[in-house]
Amino acid sequence: MRTRWIAAAALLIAAFAAGRLWADQPHMRAALDHLRAAHRELDQALNDKGGHRVKAMALVSDAIAEVEKGAVYDRRH
């Protein structure tokens, strides 16, 4: 029971911190949401498209990581 309480508290703290991270960066948040949606769509696409779908997914994953890093950088500087 105590483990569940600790896990729930940790989840709430993480959610609060994430909310603060994005609160003053609406355009970065929107970009991240769009990139994640694009990644889901590419993942659900049929066939490999000559390797282009997989490469696009990798590039979108890289873009997601860069947006996340940019948001963290902005909060620290």
PDB file of N, CA and C in Angstrom:
ATOM      1  N   MET A   1       0.822  -1.192   0.000  1.00  0.00           N
ATOM      2  CA  MET A   1       0.000   0.000   0.000  1.00  0.00           C
ATOM      3  C   MET A   1       0.867   1.258   0.000  1.00  0.00           C
ATOM      4  N   ARG A   2       1.930   1.242   0.784  1.00  0.00           N
ATOM      5  CA  ARG A   2       2.810   2.403   0.844  1.00  0.00           C
ATOM      6  C   ARG A   2       3.488   2.642  -0.501  1.00  0.00           C
ATOM      7  N   THR A   3       3.848   1.576  -1.204  1.00  0.00           N
ATOM      8  CA  THR A   3       4.487   1.698  -2.506  1.00  0.00           C
ATOM      9  C   THR A   3       3.563   2.390  -3.500  1.00  0.00           C
ATOM     10  N   ARG A   4       2.293   2.048  -3.462  1.00  0.00           N
ATOM     11  CA  ARG A   4       1.320   2.691  -4.355  1.00  0.00           C
ATOM     12  C   ARG A   4       1.204   4.178  -4.041  1.00  0.00           C
ATOM     13  N   TRP A   5       1.214   4.531  -2.767  1.00  0.00           N
ATOM     14  CA  TRP A   5       1.108   5.934  -2.381  1.00  0.00           C
ATOM     15  C   TRP A   5       2.328   6.707  -2.870  1.00  0.00           C
ATOM     16  N   ILE A   6       3.497   6.118  -2.725  1.00  0.00           N
ATOM     17  CA  ILE A   6       4.737   6.762  -3.181  1.00  0.00           C
ATOM     18  C   ILE A   6       4.711   6.923  -4.699  1.00  0.00           C
ATOM     19  N   ALA A   7       4.270   5.887  -5.407  1.00  0.00           N
ATOM     20  CA  ALA A   7       4.189   5.962  -6.864  1.00  0.00           C
ATOM     21  C   ALA A   7       3.202   7.036  -7.298  1.00  0.00           C
ATOM     22  N   ALA A   8       2.062   7.122  -6.635  1.00  0.00           N
ATOM     23  CA  ALA A   8       1.066   8.143  -6.970  1.00  0.00           C
ATOM     24  C   ALA A   8       1.608   9.542  -6.702  1.00  0.00           C
ATOM     25  N   ALA A   9       2.296   9.714  -5.591  1.00  0.00           N
ATOM     26  CA  ALA A   9       2.881  11.013  -5.267  1.00  0.00           C
ATOM     27  C   ALA A   9       3.939  11.394  -6.292  1.00  0.00           C
ATOM     28  N   ALA A  10       4.765  10.448  -6.694  1.00  0.00           N
ATOM     29  CA  ALA A  10       5.797  10.718  -7.693  1.00  0.00           C
ATOM     30  C   ALA A  10       5.174  11.113  -9.022  1.00  0.00           C
ATOM     31  N   LEU A  11       4.089  10.448  -9.392  1.00  0.00           N
ATOM     32  CA  LEU A  11       3.391  10.774 -10.630  1.00  0.00           C
ATOM     33  C   LEU A  11       2.817  12.184 -10.582  1.00  0.00           C
ATOM     34  N   LEU A  12       2.233  12.558  -9.475  1.00  0.00           N
ATOM     35  CA  LEU A  12       1.680  13.906  -9.333  1.00  0.00           C
ATOM     36  C   LEU A  12       2.773  14.970  -9.395  1.00  0.00           C
ATOM     37  N   ILE A  13       3.884  14.710  -8.760  1.00  0.00           N
ATOM     38  CA  ILE A  13       5.005  15.654  -8.786  1.00  0.00           C
ATOM     39  C   ILE A  13       5.541  15.793 -10.210  1.00  0.00           C
ATOM     40  N   ALA A  14       5.682  14.678 -10.907  1.00  0.00           N
ATOM     41  CA  ALA A  14       6.175  14.716 -12.291  1.00  0.00           C
ATOM     42  C   ALA A  14       5.210  15.473 -13.189  1.00  0.00           C
ATOM     43  N   ALA A  15       3.910  15.244 -13.004  1.00  0.00           N
ATOM     44  CA  ALA A  15       2.908  15.950 -13.811  1.00  0.00           C
ATOM     45  C   ALA A  15       2.952  17.450 -13.537  1.00  0.00           C
ATOM     46  N   PHE A  16       3.101  17.822 -12.285  1.00  0.00           N
ATOM     47  CA  PHE A  16       3.198  19.235 -11.922  1.00  0.00           C
ATOM     48  C   PHE A  16       4.424  19.871 -12.558  1.00  0.00           C
ATOM     49  N   ALA A  17       5.568  19.181 -12.470  1.00  0.00           N
ATOM     50  CA  ALA A  17       6.807  19.706 -13.052  1.00  0.00           C
ATOM     51  C   ALA A  17       6.684  19.832 -14.564  1.00  0.00           C
ATOM     52  N   ALA A  18       6.085  18.858 -15.208  1.00  0.00           N
ATOM     53  CA  ALA A  18       5.901  18.921 -16.659  1.00  0.00           C
ATOM     54  C   ALA A  18       4.989  20.078 -17.031  1.00  0.00           C
ATOM     55  N   GLY A  19       3.954  20.293 -16.268  1.00  0.00           N
ATOM     56  CA  GLY A  19       3.051  21.411 -16.523  1.00  0.00           C
ATOM     57  C   GLY A  19       3.754  22.742 -16.410  1.00  0.00           C
ATOM     58  N   ARG A  20       4.609  22.895 -15.418  1.00  0.00           N
ATOM     59  CA  ARG A  20       5.378  24.139 -15.256  1.00  0.00           C
ATOM     60  C   ARG A  20       6.368  24.319 -16.390  1.00  0.00           C
ATOM     61  N   LEU A  21       6.963  23.224 -16.848  1.00  0.00           N
ATOM     62  CA  LEU A  21       7.937  23.288 -17.924  1.00  0.00           C
ATOM     63  C   LEU A  21       7.317  23.866 -19.191  1.00  0.00           C
ATOM     64  N   TRP A  22       6.091  23.501 -19.474  1.00  0.00           N
ATOM     65  CA  TRP A  22       5.448  23.897 -20.719  1.00  0.00           C
ATOM     66  C   TRP A  22       4.522  25.094 -20.565  1.00  0.00           C
ATOM     67  N   ALA A  23       4.246  25.538 -19.374  1.00  0.00           N
ATOM     68  CA  ALA A  23       3.259  26.587 -19.152  1.00  0.00           C
ATOM     69  C   ALA A  23       3.563  27.863 -19.921  1.00  0.00           C
ATOM     70  N   ASP A  24       4.812  28.244 -19.991  1.00  0.00           N
ATOM     71  CA  ASP A  24       5.164  29.491 -20.655  1.00  0.00           C
ATOM     72  C   ASP A  24       5.747  29.263 -22.048  1.00  0.00           C
ATOM     73  N   GLN A  25       5.529  28.079 -22.619  1.00  0.00           N
ATOM     74  CA  GLN A  25       6.054  27.753 -23.939  1.00  0.00           C
ATOM     75  C   GLN A  25       4.972  27.122 -24.808  1.00  0.00           C
ATOM     76  N   PRO A  26       3.896  27.842 -25.077  1.00  0.00           N
ATOM     77  CA  PRO A  26       2.772  27.234 -25.798  1.00  0.00           C
ATOM     78  C   PRO A  26       3.131  26.788 -27.212  1.00  0.00           C
ATOM     79  N   HIS A  27       4.028  27.486 -27.880  1.00  0.00           N
ATOM     80  CA  HIS A  27       4.376  27.096 -29.246  1.00  0.00           C
ATOM     81  C   HIS A  27       5.249  25.843 -29.268  1.00  0.00           C
ATOM     82  N   MET A  28       6.137  25.733 -28.300  1.00  0.00           N
ATOM     83  CA  MET A  28       6.949  24.521 -28.209  1.00  0.00           C
ATOM     84  C   MET A  28       6.060  23.325 -27.873  1.00  0.00           C
ATOM     85  N   ARG A  29       5.100  23.539 -26.978  1.00  0.00           N
ATOM     86  CA  ARG A  29       4.173  22.469 -26.609  1.00  0.00           C
ATOM     87  C   ARG A  29       3.349  22.038 -27.815  1.00  0.00           C
ATOM     88  N   ALA A  30       2.859  23.016 -28.578  1.00  0.00           N
ATOM     89  CA  ALA A  30       2.062  22.700 -29.766  1.00  0.00           C
ATOM     90  C   ALA A  30       2.903  21.935 -30.790  1.00  0.00           C
ATOM     91  N   ALA A  31       4.142  22.380 -30.980  1.00  0.00           N
ATOM     92  CA  ALA A  31       5.023  21.683 -31.916  1.00  0.00           C
ATOM     93  C   ALA A  31       5.249  20.240 -31.477  1.00  0.00           C
ATOM     94  N   LEU A  32       5.462  20.051 -30.196  1.00  0.00           N
ATOM     95  CA  LEU A  32       5.674  18.705 -29.672  1.00  0.00           C
ATOM     96  C   LEU A  32       4.434  17.838 -29.877  1.00  0.00           C
ATOM     97  N   ASP A  33       3.273  18.389 -29.622  1.00  0.00           N
ATOM     98  CA  ASP A  33       2.025  17.640 -29.839  1.00  0.00           C
ATOM     99  C   ASP A  33       1.880  17.234 -31.305  1.00  0.00           C
ATOM    100  N   HIS A  34       2.183  18.154 -32.225  1.00  0.00           N
ATOM    101  CA  HIS A  34       2.079  17.864 -33.656  1.00  0.00           C
ATOM    102  C   HIS A  34       3.101  16.813 -34.091  1.00  0.00           C
ATOM    103  N   LEU A  35       4.303  16.917 -33.570  1.00  0.00           N
ATOM    104  CA  LEU A  35       5.323  15.930 -33.912  1.00  0.00           C
ATOM    105  C   LEU A  35       4.944  14.540 -33.416  1.00  0.00           C
ATOM    106  N   ARG A  36       4.421  14.471 -32.209  1.00  0.00           N
ATOM    107  CA  ARG A  36       3.993  13.163 -31.688  1.00  0.00           C
ATOM    108  C   ARG A  36       2.843  12.590 -32.511  1.00  0.00           C
ATOM    109  N   ALA A  37       1.925  13.444 -32.936  1.00  0.00           N
ATOM    110  CA  ALA A  37       0.820  12.988 -33.789  1.00  0.00           C
ATOM    111  C   ALA A  37       1.363  12.492 -35.135  1.00  0.00           C
ATOM    112  N   ALA A  38       2.323  13.215 -35.685  1.00  0.00           N
ATOM    113  CA  ALA A  38       2.928  12.802 -36.952  1.00  0.00           C
ATOM    114  C   ALA A  38       3.608  11.443 -36.807  1.00  0.00           C
ATOM    115  N   HIS A  39       4.291  11.249 -35.698  1.00  0.00           N
ATOM    116  CA  HIS A  39       4.968   9.970 -35.471  1.00  0.00           C
ATOM    117  C   HIS A  39       3.956   8.828 -35.392  1.00  0.00           C
ATOM    118  N   ARG A  40       2.842   9.063 -34.713  1.00  0.00           N
ATOM    119  CA  ARG A  40       1.789   8.027 -34.623  1.00  0.00           C
ATOM    120  C   ARG A  40       1.225   7.710 -36.002  1.00  0.00           C
ATOM    121  N   GLU A  41       0.991   8.738 -36.810  1.00  0.00           N
ATOM    122  CA  GLU A  41       0.455   8.520 -38.158  1.00  0.00           C
ATOM    123  C   GLU A  41       1.439   7.732 -39.017  1.00  0.00           C
ATOM    124  N   LEU A  42       2.700   8.088 -38.962  1.00  0.00           N
ATOM    125  CA  LEU A  42       3.710   7.349 -39.721  1.00  0.00           C
ATOM    126  C   LEU A  42       3.789   5.902 -39.260  1.00  0.00           C
ATOM    127  N   ASP A  43       3.664   5.682 -37.970  1.00  0.00           N
ATOM    128  CA  ASP A  43       3.724   4.334 -37.416  1.00  0.00           C
ATOM    129  C   ASP A  43       2.574   3.472 -37.924  1.00  0.00           C
ATOM    130  N   GLN A  44       1.427   4.097 -38.143  1.00  0.00           N
ATOM    131  CA  GLN A  44       0.243   3.357 -38.594  1.00  0.00           C
ATOM    132  C   GLN A  44       0.155   3.221 -40.113  1.00  0.00           C
ATOM    133  N   ALA A  45       1.012   3.926 -40.836  1.00  0.00           N
ATOM    134  CA  ALA A  45       0.990   3.851 -42.298  1.00  0.00           C
ATOM    135  C   ALA A  45       1.339   2.439 -42.759  1.00  0.00           C
ATOM    136  N   LEU A  46       0.745   2.051 -43.854  1.00  0.00           N
ATOM    137  CA  LEU A  46       1.003   0.729 -44.408  1.00  0.00           C
ATOM    138  C   LEU A  46       2.261   0.733 -45.262  1.00  0.00           C
ATOM    139  N   ASN A  47       2.900  -0.400 -45.299  1.00  0.00           N
ATOM    140  CA  ASN A  47       4.103  -0.610 -46.095  1.00  0.00           C
ATOM    141  C   ASN A  47       5.252   0.274 -45.618  1.00  0.00           C
ATOM    142  N   ASP A  48       6.406   0.047 -46.216  1.00  0.00           N
ATOM    143  CA  ASP A  48       7.608   0.753 -45.784  1.00  0.00           C
ATOM    144  C   ASP A  48       7.902   1.970 -46.645  1.00  0.00           C
ATOM    145  N   LYS A  49       7.309   2.052 -47.813  1.00  0.00           N
ATOM    146  CA  LYS A  49       7.514   3.183 -48.732  1.00  0.00           C
ATOM    147  C   LYS A  49       8.986   3.314 -49.129  1.00  0.00           C
ATOM    148  N   GLY A  50       9.622   2.179 -49.401  1.00  0.00           N
ATOM    149  CA  GLY A  50      11.017   2.203 -49.844  1.00  0.00           C
ATOM    150  C   GLY A  50      11.990   2.655 -48.771  1.00  0.00           C
ATOM    151  N   GLY A  51      11.630   2.504 -47.514  1.00  0.00           N
ATOM    152  CA  GLY A  51      12.492   2.903 -46.410  1.00  0.00           C
ATOM    153  C   GLY A  51      12.274   4.341 -45.966  1.00  0.00           C
ATOM    154  N   HIS A  52      11.490   5.100 -46.718  1.00  0.00           N
ATOM    155  CA  HIS A  52      11.267   6.506 -46.405  1.00  0.00           C
ATOM    156  C   HIS A  52      10.408   6.700 -45.157  1.00  0.00           C
ATOM    157  N   ARG A  53       9.437   5.815 -44.953  1.00  0.00           N
ATOM    158  CA  ARG A  53       8.580   5.924 -43.754  1.00  0.00           C
ATOM    159  C   ARG A  53       9.413   5.737 -42.495  1.00  0.00           C
ATOM    160  N   VAL A  54      10.256   4.733 -42.495  1.00  0.00           N
ATOM    161  CA  VAL A  54      11.099   4.464 -41.326  1.00  0.00           C
ATOM    162  C   VAL A  54      12.075   5.613 -41.097  1.00  0.00           C
ATOM    163  N   LYS A  55      12.650   6.148 -42.163  1.00  0.00           N
ATOM    164  CA  LYS A  55      13.573   7.272 -42.013  1.00  0.00           C
ATOM    165  C   LYS A  55      12.821   8.496 -41.491  1.00  0.00           C
ATOM    166  N   ALA A  56      11.612   8.724 -42.000  1.00  0.00           N
ATOM    167  CA  ALA A  56      10.811   9.857 -41.524  1.00  0.00           C
ATOM    168  C   ALA A  56      10.493   9.703 -40.042  1.00  0.00           C
ATOM    169  N   MET A  57      10.182   8.490 -39.611  1.00  0.00           N
ATOM    170  CA  MET A  57       9.902   8.253 -38.197  1.00  0.00           C
ATOM    171  C   MET A  57      11.128   8.575 -37.344  1.00  0.00           C
ATOM    172  N   ALA A  58      12.297   8.188 -37.821  1.00  0.00           N
ATOM    173  CA  ALA A  58      13.526   8.476 -37.075  1.00  0.00           C
ATOM    174  C   ALA A  58      13.770   9.986 -36.996  1.00  0.00           C
ATOM    175  N   LEU A  59      13.543  10.684 -38.096  1.00  0.00           N
ATOM    176  CA  LEU A  59      13.739  12.129 -38.104  1.00  0.00           C
ATOM    177  C   LEU A  59      12.745  12.833 -37.185  1.00  0.00           C
ATOM    178  N   VAL A  60      11.505  12.363 -37.175  1.00  0.00           N
ATOM    179  CA  VAL A  60      10.496  12.950 -36.290  1.00  0.00           C
ATOM    180  C   VAL A  60      10.869  12.673 -34.831  1.00  0.00           C
ATOM    181  N   SER A  61      11.357  11.477 -34.553  1.00  0.00           N
ATOM    182  CA  SER A  61      11.815  11.166 -33.187  1.00  0.00           C
ATOM    183  C   SER A  61      12.942  12.105 -32.774  1.00  0.00           C
ATOM    184  N   ASP A  62      13.868  12.366 -33.696  1.00  0.00           N
ATOM    185  CA  ASP A  62      14.951  13.307 -33.405  1.00  0.00           C
ATOM    186  C   ASP A  62      14.399  14.703 -33.144  1.00  0.00           C
ATOM    187  N   ALA A  63      13.411  15.113 -33.938  1.00  0.00           N
ATOM    188  CA  ALA A  63      12.810  16.440 -33.756  1.00  0.00           C
ATOM    189  C   ALA A  63      12.111  16.536 -32.405  1.00  0.00           C
ATOM    190  N   ILE A  64      11.430  15.478 -32.002  1.00  0.00           N
ATOM    191  CA  ILE A  64      10.772  15.459 -30.693  1.00  0.00           C
ATOM    192  C   ILE A  64      11.808  15.662 -29.593  1.00  0.00           C
ATOM    193  N   ALA A  65      12.906  14.934 -29.692  1.00  0.00           N
ATOM    194  CA  ALA A  65      13.964  15.048 -28.682  1.00  0.00           C
ATOM    195  C   ALA A  65      14.539  16.469 -28.650  1.00  0.00           C
ATOM    196  N   GLU A  66      14.716  17.085 -29.813  1.00  0.00           N
ATOM    197  CA  GLU A  66      15.269  18.438 -29.858  1.00  0.00           C
ATOM    198  C   GLU A  66      14.306  19.461 -29.261  1.00  0.00           C
ATOM    199  N   VAL A  67      13.019  19.319 -29.519  1.00  0.00           N
ATOM    200  CA  VAL A  67      12.033  20.238 -28.930  1.00  0.00           C
ATOM    201  C   VAL A  67      12.043  20.101 -27.411  1.00  0.00           C
ATOM    202  N   GLU A  68      12.087  18.866 -26.926  1.00  0.00           N
ATOM    203  CA  GLU A  68      12.134  18.650 -25.479  1.00  0.00           C
ATOM    204  C   GLU A  68      13.391  19.270 -24.873  1.00  0.00           C
ATOM    205  N   LYS A  69      14.532  19.073 -25.525  1.00  0.00           N
ATOM    206  CA  LYS A  69      15.789  19.656 -25.026  1.00  0.00           C
ATOM    207  C   LYS A  69      15.733  21.179 -25.070  1.00  0.00           C
ATOM    208  N   GLY A  70      15.140  21.731 -26.120  1.00  0.00           N
ATOM    209  CA  GLY A  70      15.022  23.178 -26.231  1.00  0.00           C
ATOM    210  C   GLY A  70      14.181  23.770 -25.125  1.00  0.00           C
ATOM    211  N   ALA A  71      13.096  23.097 -24.781  1.00  0.00           N
ATOM    212  CA  ALA A  71      12.229  23.578 -23.706  1.00  0.00           C
ATOM    213  C   ALA A  71      12.960  23.549 -22.377  1.00  0.00           C
ATOM    214  N   VAL A  72      13.697  22.485 -22.119  1.00  0.00           N
ATOM    215  CA  VAL A  72      14.467  22.388 -20.876  1.00  0.00           C
ATOM    216  C   VAL A  72      15.546  23.464 -20.848  1.00  0.00           C
ATOM    217  N   TYR A  73      16.236  23.667 -21.963  1.00  0.00           N
ATOM    218  CA  TYR A  73      17.278  24.698 -22.029  1.00  0.00           C
ATOM    219  C   TYR A  73      16.691  26.067 -21.718  1.00  0.00           C
ATOM    220  N   ASP A  74      15.540  26.371 -22.323  1.00  0.00           N
ATOM    221  CA  ASP A  74      14.923  27.680 -22.113  1.00  0.00           C
ATOM    222  C   ASP A  74      14.560  27.908 -20.650  1.00  0.00           C
ATOM    223  N   ARG A  75      14.147  26.871 -19.962  1.00  0.00           N
ATOM    224  CA  ARG A  75      13.783  27.003 -18.552  1.00  0.00           C
ATOM    225  C   ARG A  75      15.010  27.244 -17.687  1.00  0.00           C
ATOM    226  N   ARG A  76      16.171  26.779 -18.121  1.00  0.00           N
ATOM    227  CA  ARG A  76      17.388  26.905 -17.305  1.00  0.00           C
ATOM    228  C   ARG A  76      18.198  28.162 -17.613  1.00  0.00           C
ATOM    229  N   HIS A  77      17.898  28.830 -18.719  1.00  0.00           N
ATOM    230  CA  HIS A  77      18.721  29.994 -19.113  1.00  0.00           C
ATOM    231  C   HIS A  77      17.903  31.238 -19.246  1.00  0.00           C
TER     232      HIS A  77
END
